[in-house]
C-alpha atoms as a PDB file:
ATOM      1  CA  MET A   1      47.503  87.780  -7.896  1.00  0.00           C
ATOM      2  CA  ALA A   2      50.569  85.592  -8.231  1.00  0.00           C
ATOM      3  CA  GLY A   3      52.800  84.235  -5.510  1.00  0.00           C
ATOM      4  CA  ARG A   4      55.738  83.130  -7.687  1.00  0.00           C
ATOM      5  CA  ASP A   5      58.172  85.379  -9.525  1.00  0.00           C
ATOM      6  CA  ASP A   6      55.879  86.155 -12.454  1.00  0.00           C
ATOM      7  CA  ARG A   7      57.039  89.717 -13.111  1.00  0.00           C
ATOM      8  CA  GLY A   8      57.811  88.956 -16.765  1.00  0.00           C
ATOM      9  CA  ALA A   9      54.403  87.447 -17.376  1.00  0.00           C
ATOM     10  CA  LEU A  10      52.550  90.154 -15.482  1.00  0.00           C
ATOM     11  CA  ALA A  11      54.338  92.908 -17.355  1.00  0.00           C
ATOM     12  CA  ALA A  12      52.501  91.901 -20.535  1.00  0.00           C
ATOM     13  CA  LEU A  13      49.071  92.175 -18.912  1.00  0.00           C
ATOM     14  CA  PRO A  14      46.856  95.278 -18.939  1.00  0.00           C
ATOM     15  CA  VAL A  15      47.373  97.568 -15.953  1.00  0.00           C
ATOM     16  CA  SER A  16      43.582  97.873 -15.537  1.00  0.00           C
ATOM     17  CA  GLY A  17      43.258  94.108 -15.215  1.00  0.00           C
ATOM     18  CA  VAL A  18      40.558  94.007 -17.907  1.00  0.00           C
ATOM     19  CA  LEU A  19      41.346  91.284 -20.439  1.00  0.00           C
ATOM     20  CA  LEU A  20      38.215  91.496 -22.558  1.00  0.00           C
ATOM     21  CA  GLU A  21      34.805  93.178 -22.746  1.00  0.00           C
ATOM     22  CA  LYS A  22      32.037  91.922 -25.022  1.00  0.00           C
ATOM     23  CA  GLY A  23      28.294  92.435 -24.839  1.00  0.00           C
ATOM     24  CA  SER A  24      27.008  92.342 -21.265  1.00  0.00           C
ATOM     25  CA  TYR A  25      30.155  90.875 -19.702  1.00  0.00           C
ATOM     26  CA  ARG A  26      33.806  91.585 -18.988  1.00  0.00           C
ATOM     27  CA  ALA A  27      36.712  89.310 -18.134  1.00  0.00           C
ATOM     28  CA  ARG A  28      39.286  90.779 -15.794  1.00  0.00           C
ATOM     29  CA  LEU A  29      42.087  89.734 -13.506  1.00  0.00           C
ATOM     30  CA  ALA A  30      41.517  89.682  -9.768  1.00  0.00           C
ATOM     31  CA  LEU A  31      43.224  92.787  -8.411  1.00  0.00           C
ATOM     32  CA  GLY A  32      43.200  92.049  -4.708  1.00  0.00           C
ATOM     33  CA  ALA A  33      42.171  89.754  -1.881  1.00  0.00           C
ATOM     34  CA  ASP A  34      38.481  90.706  -2.135  1.00  0.00           C
ATOM     35  CA  ASP A  35      38.364  89.637  -5.788  1.00  0.00           C
ATOM     36  CA  VAL A  36      40.026  86.317  -5.018  1.00  0.00           C
ATOM     37  CA  LEU A  37      37.607  85.753  -2.136  1.00  0.00           C
ATOM     38  CA  ALA A  38      34.640  86.394  -4.450  1.00  0.00           C
ATOM     39  CA  ALA A  39      35.993  83.754  -6.846  1.00  0.00           C
ATOM     40  CA  GLN A  40      36.564  81.304  -3.983  1.00  0.00           C
ATOM     41  CA  ARG A  41      32.979  81.783  -2.804  1.00  0.00           C
ATOM     42  CA  LEU A  42      31.604  81.119  -6.290  1.00  0.00           C
ATOM     43  CA  ARG A  43      33.800  78.013  -6.502  1.00  0.00           C
ATOM     44  CA  ALA A  44      32.382  76.831  -3.174  1.00  0.00           C
ATOM     45  CA  ARG A  45      28.843  77.221  -4.517  1.00  0.00           C
ATOM     46  CA  CYS A  46      29.665  75.275  -7.672  1.00  0.00           C
ATOM     47  CA  PHE A  47      31.606  72.493  -5.953  1.00  0.00           C
ATOM     48  CA  ALA A  48      29.520  72.482  -2.749  1.00  0.00           C
ATOM     49  CA  THR A  49      32.628  72.697  -0.557  1.00  0.00           C
ATOM     50  CA  GLY A  50      31.325  75.112   2.082  1.00  0.00           C
ATOM     51  CA  THR A  51      31.468  78.893   2.206  1.00  0.00           C
ATOM     52  CA  VAL A  52      34.950  79.270   0.635  1.00  0.00           C
ATOM     53  CA  ASP A  53      36.907  76.979  -1.692  1.00  0.00           C
ATOM     54  CA  GLN A  54      40.625  77.609  -1.365  1.00  0.00           C
ATOM     55  CA  ASP A  55      43.901  75.700  -1.550  1.00  0.00           C
ATOM     56  CA  GLN A  56      47.653  76.237  -1.581  1.00  0.00           C
ATOM     57  CA  PHE A  57      47.723  76.791  -5.350  1.00  0.00           C
ATOM     58  CA  ASP A  58      45.614  79.963  -5.237  1.00  0.00           C
ATOM     59  CA  ALA A  59      48.612  82.093  -4.262  1.00  0.00           C
ATOM     60  CA  ASP A  60      50.555  80.968  -7.355  1.00  0.00           C
ATOM     61  CA  CYS A  61      47.776  81.641  -9.874  1.00  0.00           C
ATOM     62  CA  LEU A  62      46.253  84.491 -11.794  1.00  0.00           C
ATOM     63  CA  HIS A  63      42.514  84.589 -11.064  1.00  0.00           C
ATOM     64  CA  VAL A  64      40.108  85.659 -13.806  1.00  0.00           C
ATOM     65  CA  LEU A  65      36.613  86.942 -13.052  1.00  0.00           C
ATOM     66  CA  ILE A  66      33.768  87.018 -15.579  1.00  0.00           C
ATOM     67  CA  GLU A  67      31.311  89.661 -14.430  1.00  0.00           C
ATOM     68  CA  CYS A  68      28.252  91.571 -15.586  1.00  0.00           C
ATOM     69  CA  ARG A  69      29.361  94.982 -16.853  1.00  0.00           C
ATOM     70  CA  SER A  70      26.284  96.785 -15.542  1.00  0.00           C
ATOM     71  CA  SER A  71      25.960  95.255 -12.080  1.00  0.00           C
ATOM     72  CA  GLY A  72      29.390  93.806 -11.388  1.00  0.00           C
ATOM     73  CA  ALA A  73      27.758  90.481 -10.456  1.00  0.00           C
ATOM     74  CA  LEU A  74      30.130  87.531 -10.774  1.00  0.00           C
ATOM     75  CA  ALA A  75      29.035  85.121 -13.529  1.00  0.00           C
ATOM     76  CA  GLY A  76      32.095  82.885 -13.674  1.00  0.00           C
ATOM     77  CA  CYS A  77      35.725  82.495 -12.739  1.00  0.00           C
ATOM     78  CA  PHE A  78      38.839  80.419 -13.312  1.00  0.00           C
ATOM     79  CA  ARG A  79      42.501  80.488 -12.406  1.00  0.00           C
ATOM     80  CA  LEU A  80      45.647  80.211 -14.498  1.00  0.00           C
ATOM     81  CA  MET A  81      49.150  79.048 -13.647  1.00  0.00           C
ATOM     82  CA  LEU A  82      51.907  79.852 -16.138  1.00  0.00           C
ATOM     83  CA  LEU A  83      54.779  77.356 -16.391  1.00  0.00           C
ATOM     84  CA  GLU A  84      57.908  77.985 -18.442  1.00  0.00           C
ATOM     85  CA  SER A  85      58.191  74.328 -19.525  1.00  0.00           C
ATOM     86  CA  GLY A  86      57.406  70.776 -18.512  1.00  0.00           C
ATOM     87  CA  GLN A  87      60.236  70.983 -15.977  1.00  0.00           C
ATOM     88  CA  GLU A  88      57.876  73.000 -13.755  1.00  0.00           C
ATOM     89  CA  LEU A  89      54.920  70.595 -13.944  1.00  0.00           C
ATOM     90  CA  SER A  90      55.452  69.420 -10.373  1.00  0.00           C
ATOM     91  CA  GLN A  91      54.211  72.872  -9.259  1.00  0.00           C
ATOM     92  CA  SER A  92      50.831  72.367 -10.919  1.00  0.00           C
ATOM     93  CA  TYR A  93      47.544  71.333  -9.332  1.00  0.00           C
ATOM     94  CA  SER A  94      47.100  68.492 -11.845  1.00  0.00           C
ATOM     95  CA  SER A  95      50.371  66.844 -10.870  1.00  0.00           C
ATOM     96  CA  GLN A  96      48.805  65.807  -7.532  1.00  0.00           C
ATOM     97  CA  PHE A  97      46.529  63.392  -9.372  1.00  0.00           C
ATOM     98  CA  TYR A  98      48.343  62.349 -12.564  1.00  0.00           C
ATOM     99  CA  ASP A  99      51.791  61.038 -13.399  1.00  0.00           C
ATOM    100  CA  LEU A 100      52.929  63.698 -15.879  1.00  0.00           C
ATOM    101  CA  SER A 101      56.448  62.366 -16.422  1.00  0.00           C
ATOM    102  CA  ARG A 102      55.836  62.012 -20.176  1.00  0.00           C
ATOM    103  CA  LEU A 103      55.256  65.771 -20.363  1.00  0.00           C
ATOM    104  CA  VAL A 104      58.312  66.845 -18.368  1.00  0.00           C
ATOM    105  CA  GLY A 105      60.358  67.123 -21.545  1.00  0.00           C
ATOM    106  CA  PHE A 106      57.876  69.530 -23.154  1.00  0.00           C
ATOM    107  CA  SER A 107      59.950  72.617 -23.962  1.00  0.00           C
ATOM    108  CA  GLY A 108      57.299  75.265 -24.600  1.00  0.00           C
ATOM    109  CA  ARG A 109      55.380  77.450 -22.172  1.00  0.00           C
ATOM    110  CA  MET A 110      52.399  75.789 -20.496  1.00  0.00           C
ATOM    111  CA  LEU A 111      49.249  77.242 -18.953  1.00  0.00           C
ATOM    112  CA  GLU A 112      47.182  75.313 -16.407  1.00  0.00           C
ATOM    113  CA  LEU A 113      43.489  76.238 -16.445  1.00  0.00           C
ATOM    114  CA  GLY A 114      41.754  75.310 -13.203  1.00  0.00           C
ATOM    115  CA  ARG A 115      38.717  75.806 -10.985  1.00  0.00           C
ATOM    116  CA  PHE A 116      36.629  76.776 -14.015  1.00  0.00           C
ATOM    117  CA  CYS A 117      33.179  77.717 -12.666  1.00  0.00           C
ATOM    118  CA  LEU A 118      30.051  79.299 -14.086  1.00  0.00           C
ATOM    119  CA  ASP A 119      27.321  80.581 -11.797  1.00  0.00           C
ATOM    120  CA  PRO A 120      24.552  77.935 -11.955  1.00  0.00           C
ATOM    121  CA  GLY A 121      21.967  80.704 -12.289  1.00  0.00           C
ATOM    122  CA  VAL A 122      23.602  82.195 -15.393  1.00  0.00           C
ATOM    123  CA  LEU A 123      22.539  80.393 -18.563  1.00  0.00           C
ATOM    124  CA  ASP A 124      23.923  82.883 -21.106  1.00  0.00           C
ATOM    125  CA  ALA A 125      26.275  81.110 -23.557  1.00  0.00           C
ATOM    126  CA  ASP A 126      28.166  84.387 -23.951  1.00  0.00           C
ATOM    127  CA  VAL A 127      29.778  83.788 -20.535  1.00  0.00           C
ATOM    128  CA  LEU A 128      31.513  80.607 -21.703  1.00  0.00           C
ATOM    129  CA  ARG A 129      32.414  82.266 -25.006  1.00  0.00           C
ATOM    130  CA  LEU A 130      33.950  85.258 -23.219  1.00  0.00           C
ATOM    131  CA  ALA A 131      35.860  82.955 -20.857  1.00  0.00           C
ATOM    132  CA  TRP A 132      37.475  81.188 -23.820  1.00  0.00           C
ATOM    133  CA  GLY A 133      38.202  84.554 -25.395  1.00  0.00           C
ATOM    134  CA  ALA A 134      40.033  85.581 -22.216  1.00  0.00           C
ATOM    135  CA  VAL A 135      41.992  82.309 -22.198  1.00  0.00           C
ATOM    136  CA  THR A 136      42.891  82.856 -25.865  1.00  0.00           C
ATOM    137  CA  SER A 137      44.129  86.348 -25.029  1.00  0.00           C
ATOM    138  CA  MET A 138      46.376  84.955 -22.294  1.00  0.00           C
ATOM    139  CA  VAL A 139      47.675  82.147 -24.528  1.00  0.00           C
ATOM    140  CA  ASP A 140      48.621  84.649 -27.225  1.00  0.00           C
ATOM    141  CA  ARG A 141      50.090  87.234 -24.826  1.00  0.00           C
ATOM    142  CA  GLN A 142      52.279  84.668 -23.075  1.00  0.00           C
ATOM    143  CA  GLY A 143      53.286  82.529 -26.061  1.00  0.00           C
ATOM    144  CA  VAL A 144      51.742  79.395 -24.563  1.00  0.00           C
ATOM    145  CA  ALA A 145      52.274  76.112 -26.420  1.00  0.00           C
ATOM    146  CA  LEU A 146      50.216  73.755 -24.230  1.00  0.00           C
ATOM    147  CA  LEU A 147      47.020  74.410 -22.289  1.00  0.00           C
ATOM    148  CA  PHE A 148      46.092  71.780 -19.696  1.00  0.00           C
ATOM    149  CA  GLY A 149      44.059  71.037 -16.602  1.00  0.00           C
ATOM    150  CA  CYS A 150      41.526  68.733 -14.970  1.00  0.00           C
ATOM    151  CA  SER A 151      38.089  68.628 -16.639  1.00  0.00           C
ATOM    152  CA  SER A 152      35.474  67.807 -14.024  1.00  0.00           C
ATOM    153  CA  PHE A 153      32.244  65.817 -14.124  1.00  0.00           C
ATOM    154  CA  ALA A 154      29.736  66.464 -11.323  1.00  0.00           C
ATOM    155  CA  GLY A 155      29.597  63.828  -8.593  1.00  0.00           C
ATOM    156  CA  THR A 156      31.869  60.962  -7.663  1.00  0.00           C
ATOM    157  CA  SER A 157      30.247  58.157  -9.685  1.00  0.00           C
ATOM    158  CA  PRO A 158      32.044  57.700 -13.013  1.00  0.00           C
ATOM    159  CA  GLU A 159      29.450  55.079 -13.960  1.00  0.00           C
ATOM    160  CA  ALA A 160      27.003  57.927 -14.585  1.00  0.00           C
ATOM    161  CA  TYR A 161      29.112  59.009 -17.586  1.00  0.00           C
ATOM    162  CA  ILE A 162      29.768  55.716 -19.348  1.00  0.00           C
ATOM    163  CA  GLU A 163      28.945  56.963 -22.841  1.00  0.00           C
ATOM    164  CA  ALA A 164      31.178  60.000 -22.379  1.00  0.00           C
ATOM    165  CA  PHE A 165      34.097  57.829 -21.310  1.00  0.00           C
ATOM    166  CA  ALA A 166      33.435  55.433 -24.185  1.00  0.00           C
ATOM    167  CA  LEU A 167      33.674  58.394 -26.576  1.00  0.00           C
ATOM    168  CA  LEU A 168      36.860  59.665 -24.935  1.00  0.00           C
ATOM    169  CA  GLN A 169      38.499  56.247 -25.198  1.00  0.00           C
ATOM    170  CA  HIS A 170      37.323  55.781 -28.764  1.00  0.00           C
ATOM    171  CA  ARG A 171      38.381  59.173 -30.148  1.00  0.00           C
ATOM    172  CA  HIS A 172      40.213  61.453 -27.753  1.00  0.00           C
ATOM    173  CA  LEU A 173      42.995  59.680 -25.837  1.00  0.00           C
ATOM    174  CA  ALA A 174      46.297  61.503 -25.458  1.00  0.00           C
ATOM    175  CA  PRO A 175      49.069  60.362 -27.798  1.00  0.00           C
ATOM    176  CA  PRO A 176      51.111  57.600 -26.089  1.00  0.00           C
ATOM    177  CA  LEU A 177      54.163  59.865 -25.758  1.00  0.00           C
ATOM    178  CA  ARG A 178      52.071  62.503 -23.931  1.00  0.00           C
ATOM    179  CA  ARG A 179      49.642  60.261 -22.026  1.00  0.00           C
ATOM    180  CA  PRO A 180      49.404  60.830 -18.253  1.00  0.00           C
ATOM    181  CA  GLY A 181      49.914  57.777 -16.058  1.00  0.00           C
ATOM    182  CA  LEU A 182      48.128  56.596 -12.939  1.00  0.00           C
ATOM    183  CA  LYS A 183      49.241  58.277  -9.720  1.00  0.00           C
ATOM    184  CA  VAL A 184      46.478  57.964  -7.117  1.00  0.00           C
ATOM    185  CA  ALA A 185      44.426  55.057  -5.845  1.00  0.00           C
ATOM    186  CA  GLU A 186      41.144  56.923  -6.408  1.00  0.00           C
ATOM    187  CA  ALA A 187      41.205  56.347 -10.177  1.00  0.00           C
ATOM    188  CA  ARG A 188      39.295  54.191 -12.644  1.00  0.00           C
ATOM    189  CA  SER A 189      40.607  53.327 -16.075  1.00  0.00           C
ATOM    190  CA  PHE A 190      38.253  53.689 -19.022  1.00  0.00           C
ATOM    191  CA  THR A 191      38.964  50.055 -19.855  1.00  0.00           C
ATOM    192  CA  ASP A 192      37.750  48.998 -16.417  1.00  0.00           C
ATOM    193  CA  LEU A 193      34.626  51.169 -16.606  1.00  0.00           C
ATOM    194  CA  LEU A 194      33.739  49.782 -20.044  1.00  0.00           C
ATOM    195  CA  GLN A 195      34.340  46.129 -19.182  1.00  0.00           C
ATOM    196  CA  GLY A 196      30.770  45.102 -19.894  1.00  0.00           C
ATOM    197  CA  ARG A 197      30.792  46.415 -23.461  1.00  0.00           C
ATOM    198  CA  SER A 198      31.870  44.520 -26.522  1.00  0.00           C
ATOM    199  CA  ALA A 199      34.834  45.855 -28.508  1.00  0.00           C
ATOM    200  CA  GLN A 200      32.482  46.507 -31.424  1.00  0.00           C
ATOM    201  CA  GLN A 201      30.000  48.618 -29.432  1.00  0.00           C
ATOM    202  CA  LYS A 202      30.355  52.260 -30.403  1.00  0.00           C
ATOM    203  CA  PRO A 203      29.537  55.103 -28.023  1.00  0.00           C
ATOM    204  CA  ASP A 204      26.090  56.669 -28.207  1.00  0.00           C
ATOM    205  CA  LEU A 205      27.152  60.072 -29.548  1.00  0.00           C
ATOM    206  CA  LYS A 206      24.022  61.917 -28.426  1.00  0.00           C
ATOM    207  CA  GLN A 207      24.281  60.628 -24.860  1.00  0.00           C
ATOM    208  CA  ALA A 208      28.040  61.127 -24.790  1.00  0.00           C
ATOM    209  CA  GLN A 209      27.799  64.766 -25.835  1.00  0.00           C
ATOM    210  CA  ALA A 210      25.089  65.373 -23.232  1.00  0.00           C
ATOM    211  CA  GLN A 211      27.291  63.842 -20.517  1.00  0.00           C
ATOM    212  CA  LEU A 212      30.421  65.828 -21.380  1.00  0.00           C
ATOM    213  CA  PRO A 213      30.874  69.021 -19.330  1.00  0.00           C
ATOM    214  CA  PRO A 214      30.936  72.232 -21.444  1.00  0.00           C
ATOM    215  CA  LEU A 215      34.613  72.937 -20.693  1.00  0.00           C
ATOM    216  CA  LEU A 216      35.673  69.499 -21.922  1.00  0.00           C
ATOM    217  CA  ARG A 217      33.484  69.767 -25.039  1.00  0.00           C
ATOM    218  CA  SER A 218      35.322  72.984 -25.877  1.00  0.00           C
ATOM    219  CA  TYR A 219      38.727  71.360 -25.391  1.00  0.00           C
ATOM    220  CA  LEU A 220      37.802  68.425 -27.637  1.00  0.00           C
ATOM    221  CA  ALA A 221      36.397  70.679 -30.365  1.00  0.00           C
ATOM    222  CA  MET A 222      39.824  72.326 -30.551  1.00  0.00           C
ATOM    223  CA  GLY A 223      41.741  69.061 -30.808  1.00  0.00           C
ATOM    224  CA  GLY A 224      42.302  68.417 -27.115  1.00  0.00           C
ATOM    225  CA  TRP A 225      43.056  65.004 -25.633  1.00  0.00           C
ATOM    226  CA  VAL A 226      42.541  63.276 -22.295  1.00  0.00           C
ATOM    227  CA  SER A 227      44.042  60.730 -19.912  1.00  0.00           C
ATOM    228  CA  ASP A 228      42.941  57.100 -20.220  1.00  0.00           C
ATOM    229  CA  HIS A 229      41.473  57.138 -16.717  1.00  0.00           C
ATOM    230  CA  VAL A 230      39.269  59.253 -14.469  1.00  0.00           C
ATOM    231  CA  VAL A 231      40.178  60.381 -10.950  1.00  0.00           C
ATOM    232  CA  VAL A 232      37.491  60.485  -8.261  1.00  0.00           C
ATOM    233  CA  ASP A 233      37.922  63.627  -6.142  1.00  0.00           C
ATOM    234  CA  ALA A 234      35.697  63.338  -3.080  1.00  0.00           C
ATOM    235  CA  ALA A 235      36.941  66.679  -1.678  1.00  0.00           C
ATOM    236  CA  LEU A 236      35.398  68.570  -4.605  1.00  0.00           C
ATOM    237  CA  ASN A 237      32.537  66.106  -5.193  1.00  0.00           C
ATOM    238  CA  THR A 238      33.715  65.547  -8.764  1.00  0.00           C
ATOM    239  CA  CYS A 239      35.486  63.067 -10.972  1.00  0.00           C
ATOM    240  CA  HIS A 240      37.911  64.426 -13.539  1.00  0.00           C
ATOM    241  CA  VAL A 241      40.146  63.599 -16.466  1.00  0.00           C
ATOM    242  CA  PHE A 242      43.444  65.227 -17.336  1.00  0.00           C
ATOM    243  CA  THR A 243      43.013  67.346 -20.452  1.00  0.00           C
ATOM    244  CA  GLY A 244      45.702  68.714 -22.749  1.00  0.00           C
ATOM    245  CA  LEU A 245      45.513  70.983 -25.775  1.00  0.00           C
ATOM    246  CA  GLU A 246      48.542  71.727 -27.926  1.00  0.00           C
ATOM    247  CA  VAL A 247      48.055  75.157 -29.467  1.00  0.00           C
ATOM    248  CA  THR A 248      49.556  74.124 -32.801  1.00  0.00           C
ATOM    249  CA  ALA A 249      46.858  71.426 -33.111  1.00  0.00           C
ATOM    250  CA  ILE A 250      43.930  73.857 -32.960  1.00  0.00           C
ATOM    251  CA  PRO A 251      42.253  73.998 -36.409  1.00  0.00           C
ATOM    252  CA  ALA A 252      42.819  77.278 -38.243  1.00  0.00           C
ATOM    253  CA  ALA A 253      39.104  78.031 -38.466  1.00  0.00           C
ATOM    254  CA  ARG A 254      38.700  77.551 -34.721  1.00  0.00           C
ATOM    255  CA  LYS A 255      41.687  79.826 -34.034  1.00  0.00           C
ATOM    256  CA  ARG A 256      40.074  82.556 -36.123  1.00  0.00           C
ATOM    257  CA  LEU A 257      36.830  82.245 -34.143  1.00  0.00           C
ATOM    258  CA  LEU A 258      38.628  82.359 -30.802  1.00  0.00           C
ATOM    259  CA  ARG A 259      40.755  85.335 -31.767  1.00  0.00           C
ATOM    260  CA  GLY A 260      37.642  87.069 -33.087  1.00  0.00           C
ATOM    261  CA  VAL A 261      36.188  86.834 -29.582  1.00  0.00           C
ATOM    262  CA  ALA A 262      39.503  87.785 -27.966  1.00  0.00           C
ATOM    263  CA  GLU A 263      39.964  90.954 -30.011  1.00  0.00           C
ATOM    264  CA  PRO A 264      38.772  94.084 -28.152  1.00  0.00           C
ATOM    265  CA  LEU A 265      35.957  96.077 -29.726  1.00  0.00           C
END
């Protein structure tokens, strides 16, 4: 479903709504209100926000469901908002929390990936793999140049993820000309969080990797970058960092793997 004038984008999508089928799962677009409601209920379970998680951005997004092919059970979901360029960034969910003025001049198409949820009871790695295959399919279909969104850590205590933030500051900050600025009061800079550490202290890589959420690990493995601060979002019981991934920066080997998943059997 899409509330904006996305006829051009939607025209390139499969009429059936099915983006990808592999193994036991399929990724498909939500085709009506019942599908969107199912995604909102899964989001509520994952974020502990009540019976339904919904906001004003849902109407402007494409919703993708990852479901079991045999039973139809929902294993995961996410939503996508297509922007023609950085001039449209003010319409995005992320712009509520981050000053994205350094990205306004970005001329290529952008895709915001949000509300990424996996059913806590589903431990099959193929679900995450299929989700990224579906995202890859959308990126290629729509000629997207920049993928972005908020990567969430569970809970509202950034101190629980010190090693992860040390790693992000050490290796994965956005380039200065792309770096999001502070916008909300409920934010903590990495520098502030790491005040007690010496400049020579390196992050504990094993702990850092364990603390990073799977979605963010995937972004970083493809060359993604993050804001230099974390936003505490009490409404969703999370803290998150802005994450960007320029498609041209993805290593060739990683692109081949992603497109291998994205190709239909």
